[in-house]
Amino acid sequence: MISSFSNRQVKQVIALGRSKERSRSLLFVAEGSRMVAETPPQLVEALYFSESFSEKKESALIVEKLSAGRSLEPVLVSDAVFAKMSDTVHPQGVIAVVRQPSHALSDILDSAAGEKNSALLVLENVQDPGNIGTMLRTAEAAGVKGVLLSEGCADLFNPKIIRSTMGAIYRVPFAFYKDPAALEEAFAKRGIVSMAACLDGSDIYTEADYSGAVAILIGNEGNGLLPDTIKRAGRRVRIPMEGKTESLNAAVSAALLIYEAKRRQGR
């Protein structure tokens, strides 16, 4: 059992709390019984149990699920050391070091374009981890073909985002894009119509045309989509609001538009 704070494996898990280390190693940390159990076994690099968690029946079930025909021995860690490794206030006692899943942007676009009616969700400079996690879960629930994130979005493998996805990060195809203009060209090439959510959109979201393959664009929580992104979009839609409210939460806006798209597409 590991009881030293200076242990190499302990230091690795703690280091993965930093975005720079996650980018360098292409690993991230999944924490908590449900999140670890949701992880595809082939992505698990290492499994850690606190001493107290290892005594629970649940620990054996997690090992059985993640082993998948291979020998996976959890590393036992003292409760004090595990608390240092954990990113949560009240650790559940189980952590997995996981390889970052990856998807090709072109494959996601081709998949969306290949269906009579489909939807993509595109996030531009969205910064709130809770919003991103919620939008991935919503995308999965609504059957969205994929989620595309700009480089200005919060790190997708941030522990808070991982937890808030509730496992959707393993099931929803996602990819990152650098150039919004190039992405719009890729949409046009495949017949995908981009729909920008903005305050001065010409169409109310319940009256817009969602036929074919559409890409719903959601911008930064404070500033919305970039002006050039709005200008390039094939359609611009707005969510009507009463009272003094200027805008809705980004995740709420995304949910309204995604489900409206699916409703209008007959799905």
Foldseek 3Di string as FASTA:
>chain_A
DDEDLPDPVLVLLQVLLDPVSCVVVQKFKAFDLQLLLLDALVFFDAKEFEPVLVPDPSVVVSLVSNQVPHDHDHHYYHPVSVCSSDPDPDGPGMMTIGRQDADDPLVLLCVLLVDFAAEEEEEELAEDLLLLLLLLLLCVVLVHSAYEYEPNYHDCRNNSNSVSVSSSSVVHHYHYDYDLVVVLVSCVVSVEAEEFEDAPWPAALLPDDRGHYYYYYFYYQPPTDDPVNQVSGRGYYYHDDDDPDRDDGRSVVSNVNSVSSSVVHVD
